[in-house]
Amino acid sequence: LVDLLLAYLLHPLLIAFLATQAAAPLNTKFGPEIASLLWTLAVLKLTRYPMQGGGFRVVPLVAVLVLFRYDLRGRSETYLVDYLVVSVLAAKLQDLWLKLSFVVTYAAPWNVPWGSAVHAILQPLGLPHLACFLAQALAASLLGAPILPLTGAAL
């Protein structure tokens, strides 16, 4: 009941409040064209917010409050624009975390079984392989792409 109340009553009211509060400052600072683009992107992102699954939907809201109230004081545009930037960064960081955990789980050199002396010699040679996978995971999370379709199937 609380989730339904939050998703269908309180959240639309919050969006309407933030959108009307941010319209005038964005228009004076960026001009009507860029302000309307930023406003539209942020409102669409906020509108999708209550439909996201899990506890991750709270992370960008809390991160905006903490970052721009304490760490980046004085650098805030409006809550709407701050939320847009932080939500994109939070999604990219979550994607990077998931890809790095996949790489470390399935391609790490310490997962090679120690059966013989050959494995002991070959294990340090897996480090460049791991570094390549980590670089691919970083690039893939920045682009929003899979690590590599063939790499995931080959592991």
N, C-alpha and C. Protein backbone atom coordinates (compact mmCIF):
# COMPACT_ATOMS: atom_id res chain seq x y z
N LEU A 1 0.81 -1.19 0.00
CA LEU A 1 0.00 0.00 0.00
C LEU A 1 0.87 1.27 0.00
N VAL A 2 1.97 1.21 0.76
CA VAL A 2 2.85 2.37 0.83
C VAL A 2 3.51 2.61 -0.53
N ASP A 3 3.93 1.53 -1.20
CA ASP A 3 4.55 1.69 -2.52
C ASP A 3 3.58 2.27 -3.53
N LEU A 4 2.34 1.82 -3.50
CA LEU A 4 1.34 2.37 -4.41
C LEU A 4 1.06 3.84 -4.11
N LEU A 5 0.98 4.16 -2.84
CA LEU A 5 0.76 5.56 -2.44
C LEU A 5 1.92 6.43 -2.88
N LEU A 6 3.12 5.92 -2.71
CA LEU A 6 4.30 6.67 -3.13
C LEU A 6 4.36 6.83 -4.63
N ALA A 7 4.12 5.74 -5.37
CA ALA A 7 4.28 5.75 -6.82
C ALA A 7 3.20 6.55 -7.54
N TYR A 8 1.97 6.48 -7.04
CA TYR A 8 0.87 7.06 -7.81
C TYR A 8 0.27 8.33 -7.22
N LEU A 9 0.67 8.72 -6.02
CA LEU A 9 0.13 9.94 -5.46
C LEU A 9 1.23 10.93 -5.06
N LEU A 10 2.13 10.49 -4.18
CA LEU A 10 3.15 11.41 -3.69
C LEU A 10 4.19 11.76 -4.75
N HIS A 11 4.59 10.78 -5.51
CA HIS A 11 5.63 11.06 -6.50
C HIS A 11 5.16 12.00 -7.62
N PRO A 12 3.97 11.82 -8.19
CA PRO A 12 3.52 12.82 -9.17
C PRO A 12 3.40 14.22 -8.59
N LEU A 13 3.00 14.33 -7.32
CA LEU A 13 2.95 15.65 -6.69
C LEU A 13 4.35 16.23 -6.54
N LEU A 14 5.31 15.40 -6.19
CA LEU A 14 6.70 15.85 -6.08
C LEU A 14 7.23 16.30 -7.45
N ILE A 15 6.91 15.57 -8.49
CA ILE A 15 7.35 15.95 -9.84
C ILE A 15 6.76 17.29 -10.24
N ALA A 16 5.48 17.47 -9.99
CA ALA A 16 4.84 18.74 -10.34
C ALA A 16 5.45 19.89 -9.56
N PHE A 17 5.73 19.68 -8.28
CA PHE A 17 6.34 20.72 -7.47
C PHE A 17 7.74 21.07 -7.97
N LEU A 18 8.57 20.05 -8.20
CA LEU A 18 9.94 20.31 -8.64
C LEU A 18 9.99 20.91 -10.04
N ALA A 19 9.09 20.48 -10.91
CA ALA A 19 9.09 21.00 -12.28
C ALA A 19 8.69 22.47 -12.31
N THR A 20 7.70 22.84 -11.55
CA THR A 20 7.31 24.26 -11.54
C THR A 20 8.32 25.11 -10.81
N GLN A 21 8.96 24.56 -9.80
CA GLN A 21 9.97 25.30 -9.06
C GLN A 21 11.23 25.53 -9.91
N ALA A 22 11.56 24.60 -10.79
CA ALA A 22 12.81 24.69 -11.56
C ALA A 22 12.66 25.42 -12.89
N ALA A 23 11.45 25.64 -13.35
CA ALA A 23 11.26 26.21 -14.69
C ALA A 23 11.85 27.61 -14.82
N ALA A 24 11.54 28.50 -13.92
CA ALA A 24 12.01 29.89 -14.04
C ALA A 24 13.53 30.01 -13.88
N PRO A 25 14.15 29.39 -12.87
CA PRO A 25 15.62 29.51 -12.77
C PRO A 25 16.36 28.92 -13.96
N LEU A 26 15.86 27.81 -14.50
CA LEU A 26 16.51 27.22 -15.67
C LEU A 26 16.38 28.12 -16.88
N ASN A 27 15.22 28.74 -17.03
CA ASN A 27 14.99 29.62 -18.17
C ASN A 27 15.89 30.85 -18.11
N THR A 28 16.08 31.44 -16.95
CA THR A 28 16.94 32.62 -16.85
C THR A 28 18.41 32.27 -17.00
N LYS A 29 18.81 31.09 -16.52
CA LYS A 29 20.23 30.74 -16.58
C LYS A 29 20.66 30.20 -17.94
N PHE A 30 19.84 29.35 -18.58
CA PHE A 30 20.26 28.68 -19.80
C PHE A 30 19.56 29.17 -21.06
N GLY A 31 18.54 29.95 -20.93
CA GLY A 31 17.78 30.35 -22.11
C GLY A 31 16.65 29.36 -22.35
N PRO A 32 15.66 29.76 -23.14
CA PRO A 32 14.47 28.91 -23.27
C PRO A 32 14.72 27.57 -23.96
N GLU A 33 15.64 27.51 -24.94
CA GLU A 33 15.83 26.26 -25.68
C GLU A 33 16.49 25.19 -24.82
N ILE A 34 17.63 25.53 -24.24
CA ILE A 34 18.35 24.55 -23.42
C ILE A 34 17.59 24.26 -22.13
N ALA A 35 16.95 25.26 -21.57
CA ALA A 35 16.17 25.05 -20.34
C ALA A 35 15.02 24.08 -20.59
N SER A 36 14.35 24.23 -21.72
CA SER A 36 13.23 23.31 -21.99
C SER A 36 13.73 21.89 -22.24
N LEU A 37 14.91 21.75 -22.86
CA LEU A 37 15.48 20.42 -23.07
C LEU A 37 15.86 19.78 -21.73
N LEU A 38 16.57 20.52 -20.88
CA LEU A 38 16.94 20.00 -19.57
C LEU A 38 15.70 19.68 -18.73
N TRP A 39 14.73 20.57 -18.75
CA TRP A 39 13.50 20.39 -17.99
C TRP A 39 12.77 19.13 -18.44
N THR A 40 12.66 18.94 -19.76
CA THR A 40 11.96 17.78 -20.30
C THR A 40 12.68 16.49 -19.94
N LEU A 41 14.00 16.45 -20.11
CA LEU A 41 14.75 15.24 -19.77
C LEU A 41 14.63 14.90 -18.30
N ALA A 42 14.75 15.90 -17.44
CA ALA A 42 14.68 15.64 -16.01
C ALA A 42 13.28 15.20 -15.58
N VAL A 43 12.25 15.81 -16.15
CA VAL A 43 10.89 15.43 -15.78
C VAL A 43 10.59 14.02 -16.27
N LEU A 44 11.04 13.67 -17.47
CA LEU A 44 10.83 12.30 -17.95
C LEU A 44 11.58 11.29 -17.10
N LYS A 45 12.79 11.63 -16.70
CA LYS A 45 13.57 10.74 -15.84
C LYS A 45 12.90 10.57 -14.48
N LEU A 46 12.41 11.67 -13.93
CA LEU A 46 11.72 11.59 -12.65
C LEU A 46 10.39 10.84 -12.76
N THR A 47 9.74 10.94 -13.90
CA THR A 47 8.48 10.24 -14.08
C THR A 47 8.69 8.72 -14.12
N ARG A 48 9.80 8.29 -14.69
CA ARG A 48 10.11 6.86 -14.73
C ARG A 48 10.58 6.32 -13.39
N TYR A 49 11.01 7.19 -12.51
CA TYR A 49 11.62 6.81 -11.24
C TYR A 49 10.78 5.86 -10.40
N PRO A 50 9.48 6.10 -10.15
CA PRO A 50 8.78 5.19 -9.26
C PRO A 50 8.53 3.81 -9.85
N MET A 51 8.72 3.66 -11.15
CA MET A 51 8.49 2.36 -11.78
C MET A 51 9.73 1.49 -11.80
N GLN A 52 10.88 2.05 -11.38
CA GLN A 52 12.09 1.24 -11.31
C GLN A 52 11.96 0.25 -10.16
N GLY A 53 12.61 -0.86 -10.32
CA GLY A 53 12.48 -1.89 -9.31
C GLY A 53 13.53 -1.78 -8.23
N GLY A 54 13.21 -2.32 -7.09
CA GLY A 54 14.18 -2.48 -6.03
C GLY A 54 14.50 -1.22 -5.26
N GLY A 55 15.49 -1.36 -4.41
CA GLY A 55 15.90 -0.26 -3.56
C GLY A 55 16.78 0.75 -4.26
N PHE A 56 17.18 0.47 -5.50
CA PHE A 56 18.07 1.39 -6.19
C PHE A 56 17.40 2.73 -6.49
N ARG A 57 16.10 2.76 -6.52
CA ARG A 57 15.42 4.00 -6.88
C ARG A 57 15.60 5.09 -5.82
N VAL A 58 16.01 4.73 -4.63
CA VAL A 58 16.23 5.71 -3.58
C VAL A 58 17.62 6.34 -3.69
N VAL A 59 18.57 5.63 -4.29
CA VAL A 59 19.97 6.07 -4.33
C VAL A 59 20.14 7.45 -4.98
N PRO A 60 19.61 7.71 -6.19
CA PRO A 60 19.81 9.05 -6.75
C PRO A 60 19.16 10.17 -5.95
N LEU A 61 18.01 9.92 -5.37
CA LEU A 61 17.34 10.96 -4.59
C LEU A 61 18.15 11.35 -3.36
N VAL A 62 18.66 10.35 -2.66
CA VAL A 62 19.46 10.62 -1.46
C VAL A 62 20.83 11.19 -1.86
N ALA A 63 21.40 10.68 -2.94
CA ALA A 63 22.72 11.16 -3.38
C ALA A 63 22.67 12.63 -3.77
N VAL A 64 21.59 13.06 -4.39
CA VAL A 64 21.46 14.48 -4.75
C VAL A 64 21.43 15.33 -3.49
N LEU A 65 20.67 14.91 -2.51
CA LEU A 65 20.60 15.69 -1.27
C LEU A 65 21.95 15.76 -0.57
N VAL A 66 22.63 14.62 -0.47
CA VAL A 66 23.91 14.59 0.24
C VAL A 66 24.99 15.34 -0.54
N LEU A 67 25.08 15.06 -1.83
CA LEU A 67 26.14 15.70 -2.63
C LEU A 67 26.01 17.21 -2.68
N PHE A 68 24.84 17.68 -3.00
CA PHE A 68 24.70 19.12 -3.24
C PHE A 68 24.39 19.92 -1.98
N ARG A 69 24.10 19.25 -0.89
CA ARG A 69 23.93 19.97 0.37
C ARG A 69 25.24 20.06 1.14
N TYR A 70 26.09 19.04 1.03
CA TYR A 70 27.30 19.01 1.85
C TYR A 70 28.58 19.08 1.02
N ASP A 71 28.72 18.24 0.00
CA ASP A 71 29.99 18.16 -0.72
C ASP A 71 30.12 19.22 -1.81
N LEU A 72 29.09 19.44 -2.58
CA LEU A 72 29.16 20.38 -3.70
C LEU A 72 28.28 21.59 -3.43
N ARG A 73 28.38 22.13 -2.24
CA ARG A 73 27.56 23.27 -1.85
C ARG A 73 27.86 24.46 -2.76
N GLY A 74 26.84 25.09 -3.26
CA GLY A 74 27.01 26.25 -4.13
C GLY A 74 27.12 25.90 -5.60
N ARG A 75 27.15 24.64 -5.95
CA ARG A 75 27.26 24.24 -7.36
C ARG A 75 25.97 23.63 -7.89
N SER A 76 24.92 23.75 -7.14
CA SER A 76 23.65 23.17 -7.52
C SER A 76 22.92 24.10 -8.49
N GLU A 77 22.36 23.53 -9.53
CA GLU A 77 21.52 24.31 -10.45
C GLU A 77 20.11 24.39 -9.87
N THR A 78 19.39 23.33 -10.03
CA THR A 78 18.11 23.12 -9.35
C THR A 78 18.08 21.65 -9.00
N TYR A 79 17.17 21.26 -8.14
CA TYR A 79 17.10 19.86 -7.77
C TYR A 79 16.82 18.99 -8.99
N LEU A 80 16.06 19.51 -9.93
CA LEU A 80 15.69 18.75 -11.12
C LEU A 80 16.92 18.41 -11.96
N VAL A 81 17.76 19.39 -12.22
CA VAL A 81 18.97 19.16 -13.03
C VAL A 81 19.98 18.33 -12.24
N ASP A 82 20.09 18.60 -10.96
CA ASP A 82 21.00 17.81 -10.13
C ASP A 82 20.58 16.34 -10.13
N TYR A 83 19.28 16.10 -10.04
CA TYR A 83 18.78 14.74 -10.07
C TYR A 83 19.08 14.07 -11.41
N LEU A 84 18.93 14.81 -12.49
CA LEU A 84 19.20 14.25 -13.82
C LEU A 84 20.65 13.79 -13.91
N VAL A 85 21.57 14.62 -13.48
CA VAL A 85 22.99 14.28 -13.57
C VAL A 85 23.34 13.11 -12.65
N VAL A 86 22.88 13.17 -11.42
CA VAL A 86 23.23 12.13 -10.45
C VAL A 86 22.58 10.80 -10.82
N SER A 87 21.37 10.82 -11.35
CA SER A 87 20.73 9.56 -11.71
C SER A 87 21.44 8.88 -12.87
N VAL A 88 21.92 9.66 -13.82
CA VAL A 88 22.68 9.07 -14.92
C VAL A 88 24.00 8.49 -14.40
N LEU A 89 24.69 9.24 -13.54
CA LEU A 89 25.94 8.74 -12.97
C LEU A 89 25.71 7.51 -12.10
N ALA A 90 24.65 7.50 -11.32
CA ALA A 90 24.37 6.35 -10.46
C ALA A 90 24.06 5.11 -11.28
N ALA A 91 23.32 5.28 -12.36
CA ALA A 91 23.02 4.14 -13.23
C ALA A 91 24.29 3.60 -13.88
N LYS A 92 25.18 4.50 -14.32
CA LYS A 92 26.44 4.06 -14.92
C LYS A 92 27.33 3.35 -13.90
N LEU A 93 27.37 3.86 -12.68
CA LEU A 93 28.19 3.22 -11.65
C LEU A 93 27.62 1.87 -11.25
N GLN A 94 26.31 1.74 -11.20
CA GLN A 94 25.71 0.45 -10.89
C GLN A 94 26.01 -0.56 -12.01
N ASP A 95 25.93 -0.11 -13.25
CA ASP A 95 26.25 -0.97 -14.38
C ASP A 95 27.72 -1.40 -14.34
N LEU A 96 28.61 -0.45 -14.02
CA LEU A 96 30.03 -0.77 -13.91
C LEU A 96 30.26 -1.79 -12.79
N TRP A 97 29.60 -1.62 -11.66
CA TRP A 97 29.76 -2.55 -10.54
C TRP A 97 29.33 -3.96 -10.94
N LEU A 98 28.21 -4.07 -11.63
CA LEU A 98 27.73 -5.39 -12.05
C LEU A 98 28.68 -6.04 -13.05
N LYS A 99 29.21 -5.26 -13.99
CA LYS A 99 30.14 -5.81 -14.98
C LYS A 99 31.47 -6.19 -14.35
N LEU A 100 31.96 -5.37 -13.42
CA LEU A 100 33.21 -5.71 -12.75
C LEU A 100 33.05 -6.95 -11.89
N SER A 101 31.92 -7.09 -11.24
CA SER A 101 31.72 -8.30 -10.43
C SER A 101 31.64 -9.53 -11.31
N PHE A 102 31.06 -9.40 -12.51
CA PHE A 102 31.04 -10.52 -13.45
C PHE A 102 32.45 -10.89 -13.87
N VAL A 103 33.24 -9.90 -14.22
CA VAL A 103 34.61 -10.16 -14.68
C VAL A 103 35.44 -10.78 -13.57
N VAL A 104 35.35 -10.23 -12.37
CA VAL A 104 36.15 -10.75 -11.27
C VAL A 104 35.70 -12.16 -10.90
N THR A 105 34.42 -12.44 -11.00
CA THR A 105 33.93 -13.77 -10.65
C THR A 105 34.38 -14.82 -11.64
N TYR A 106 34.31 -14.50 -12.93
CA TYR A 106 34.52 -15.54 -13.94
C TYR A 106 35.88 -15.50 -14.64
N ALA A 107 36.63 -14.42 -14.53
CA ALA A 107 37.88 -14.35 -15.27
C ALA A 107 39.09 -14.06 -14.39
N ALA A 108 38.91 -14.02 -13.10
CA ALA A 108 40.03 -13.68 -12.22
C ALA A 108 41.04 -14.81 -12.17
N PRO A 109 42.32 -14.47 -12.08
CA PRO A 109 43.34 -15.51 -12.07
C PRO A 109 43.30 -16.40 -10.83
N TRP A 110 42.74 -15.92 -9.72
CA TRP A 110 42.69 -16.76 -8.53
C TRP A 110 41.60 -17.82 -8.62
N ASN A 111 40.80 -17.79 -9.69
CA ASN A 111 39.82 -18.83 -9.90
C ASN A 111 40.38 -20.01 -10.68
N VAL A 112 41.63 -19.91 -11.14
CA VAL A 112 42.26 -21.01 -11.86
C VAL A 112 42.61 -22.09 -10.84
N PRO A 113 42.24 -23.32 -11.09
CA PRO A 113 42.55 -24.37 -10.12
C PRO A 113 44.06 -24.66 -10.08
N TRP A 114 44.53 -24.96 -8.89
CA TRP A 114 45.95 -25.26 -8.69
C TRP A 114 46.12 -26.77 -8.73
N GLY A 115 46.23 -27.32 -9.91
CA GLY A 115 46.36 -28.77 -10.04
C GLY A 115 47.78 -29.22 -10.27
N SER A 116 48.58 -28.37 -10.89
CA SER A 116 49.93 -28.80 -11.21
C SER A 116 50.85 -27.59 -11.26
N ALA A 117 52.10 -27.85 -11.57
CA ALA A 117 53.06 -26.75 -11.68
C ALA A 117 52.75 -25.88 -12.89
N VAL A 118 52.12 -26.44 -13.90
CA VAL A 118 51.76 -25.65 -15.08
C VAL A 118 50.76 -24.56 -14.70
N HIS A 119 49.81 -24.90 -13.84
CA HIS A 119 48.85 -23.90 -13.40
C HIS A 119 49.53 -22.80 -12.59
N ALA A 120 50.51 -23.18 -11.78
CA ALA A 120 51.23 -22.19 -10.99
C ALA A 120 52.01 -21.24 -11.88
N ILE A 121 52.48 -21.71 -13.02
CA ILE A 121 53.21 -20.86 -13.95
C ILE A 121 52.24 -20.02 -14.78
N LEU A 122 51.12 -20.60 -15.15
CA LEU A 122 50.18 -19.90 -16.02
C LEU A 122 49.29 -18.90 -15.28
N GLN A 123 49.16 -19.02 -13.97
CA GLN A 123 48.27 -18.11 -13.25
C GLN A 123 48.70 -16.65 -13.36
N PRO A 124 49.98 -16.29 -13.20
CA PRO A 124 50.35 -14.87 -13.38
C PRO A 124 50.11 -14.37 -14.81
N LEU A 125 50.08 -15.28 -15.77
CA LEU A 125 49.83 -14.86 -17.15
C LEU A 125 48.37 -14.48 -17.37
N GLY A 126 47.51 -14.78 -16.42
CA GLY A 126 46.11 -14.40 -16.52
C GLY A 126 45.86 -12.95 -16.15
N LEU A 127 46.83 -12.27 -15.55
CA LEU A 127 46.64 -10.88 -15.16
C LEU A 127 46.42 -9.94 -16.35
N PRO A 128 47.17 -10.05 -17.44
CA PRO A 128 46.84 -9.18 -18.59
C PRO A 128 45.44 -9.48 -19.15
N HIS A 129 45.04 -10.72 -19.09
CA HIS A 129 43.71 -11.10 -19.53
C HIS A 129 42.65 -10.43 -18.66
N LEU A 130 42.88 -10.43 -17.34
CA LEU A 130 41.97 -9.78 -16.42
C LEU A 130 41.96 -8.27 -16.64
N ALA A 131 43.12 -7.67 -16.87
CA ALA A 131 43.18 -6.23 -17.12
C ALA A 131 42.42 -5.85 -18.38
N CYS A 132 42.51 -6.69 -19.40
CA CYS A 132 41.77 -6.44 -20.64
C CYS A 132 40.27 -6.51 -20.38
N PHE A 133 39.83 -7.49 -19.61
CA PHE A 133 38.41 -7.60 -19.28
C PHE A 133 37.93 -6.41 -18.46
N LEU A 134 38.76 -5.94 -17.52
CA LEU A 134 38.38 -4.78 -16.72
C LEU A 134 38.25 -3.53 -17.57
N ALA A 135 39.17 -3.35 -18.53
CA ALA A 135 39.07 -2.20 -19.44
C ALA A 135 37.83 -2.30 -20.31
N GLN A 136 37.51 -3.50 -20.77
CA GLN A 136 36.30 -3.69 -21.56
C GLN A 136 35.05 -3.42 -20.73
N ALA A 137 35.06 -3.81 -19.48
CA ALA A 137 33.90 -3.57 -18.62
C ALA A 137 33.72 -2.08 -18.38
N LEU A 138 34.81 -1.35 -18.19
CA LEU A 138 34.73 0.10 -17.99
C LEU A 138 34.18 0.79 -19.24
N ALA A 139 34.70 0.43 -20.40
CA ALA A 139 34.22 1.04 -21.65
C ALA A 139 32.77 0.66 -21.92
N ALA A 140 32.41 -0.57 -21.64
CA ALA A 140 31.03 -1.02 -21.89
C ALA A 140 30.05 -0.33 -20.96
N SER A 141 30.43 -0.09 -19.72
CA SER A 141 29.50 0.58 -18.81
C SER A 141 29.35 2.05 -19.16
N LEU A 142 30.40 2.68 -19.66
CA LEU A 142 30.28 4.07 -20.10
C LEU A 142 29.39 4.19 -21.32
N LEU A 143 29.46 3.21 -22.21
CA LEU A 143 28.65 3.23 -23.42
C LEU A 143 27.28 2.62 -23.23
N GLY A 144 27.07 1.93 -22.13
CA GLY A 144 25.79 1.26 -21.90
C GLY A 144 25.61 0.04 -22.77
N ALA A 145 26.69 -0.63 -23.08
CA ALA A 145 26.67 -1.79 -23.96
C ALA A 145 27.03 -3.04 -23.15
N PRO A 146 26.76 -4.23 -23.71
CA PRO A 146 27.24 -5.44 -23.04
C PRO A 146 28.76 -5.49 -23.06
N ILE A 147 29.36 -6.27 -22.18
CA ILE A 147 30.82 -6.34 -22.15
C ILE A 147 31.34 -6.71 -23.52
N LEU A 148 31.03 -7.84 -23.96
CA LEU A 148 31.21 -8.28 -25.35
C LEU A 148 30.34 -9.52 -25.46
N PRO A 149 29.46 -9.59 -26.42
CA PRO A 149 28.57 -10.76 -26.48
C PRO A 149 29.34 -12.07 -26.61
N LEU A 150 30.39 -12.07 -27.39
CA LEU A 150 31.15 -13.31 -27.58
C LEU A 150 32.00 -13.62 -26.35
N THR A 151 32.49 -12.58 -25.68
CA THR A 151 33.31 -12.80 -24.49
C THR A 151 32.48 -13.42 -23.38
N GLY A 152 31.27 -12.91 -23.17
CA GLY A 152 30.41 -13.44 -22.12
C GLY A 152 30.07 -14.90 -22.39
N ALA A 153 29.86 -15.27 -23.66
CA ALA A 153 29.54 -16.64 -23.97
C ALA A 153 30.77 -17.54 -23.86
N ALA A 154 31.97 -16.99 -24.12
CA ALA A 154 33.17 -17.80 -24.09
C ALA A 154 33.61 -18.10 -22.66
N LEU A 155 33.24 -17.25 -21.71
CA LEU A 155 33.64 -17.51 -20.32
C LEU A 155 32.81 -18.65 -19.78
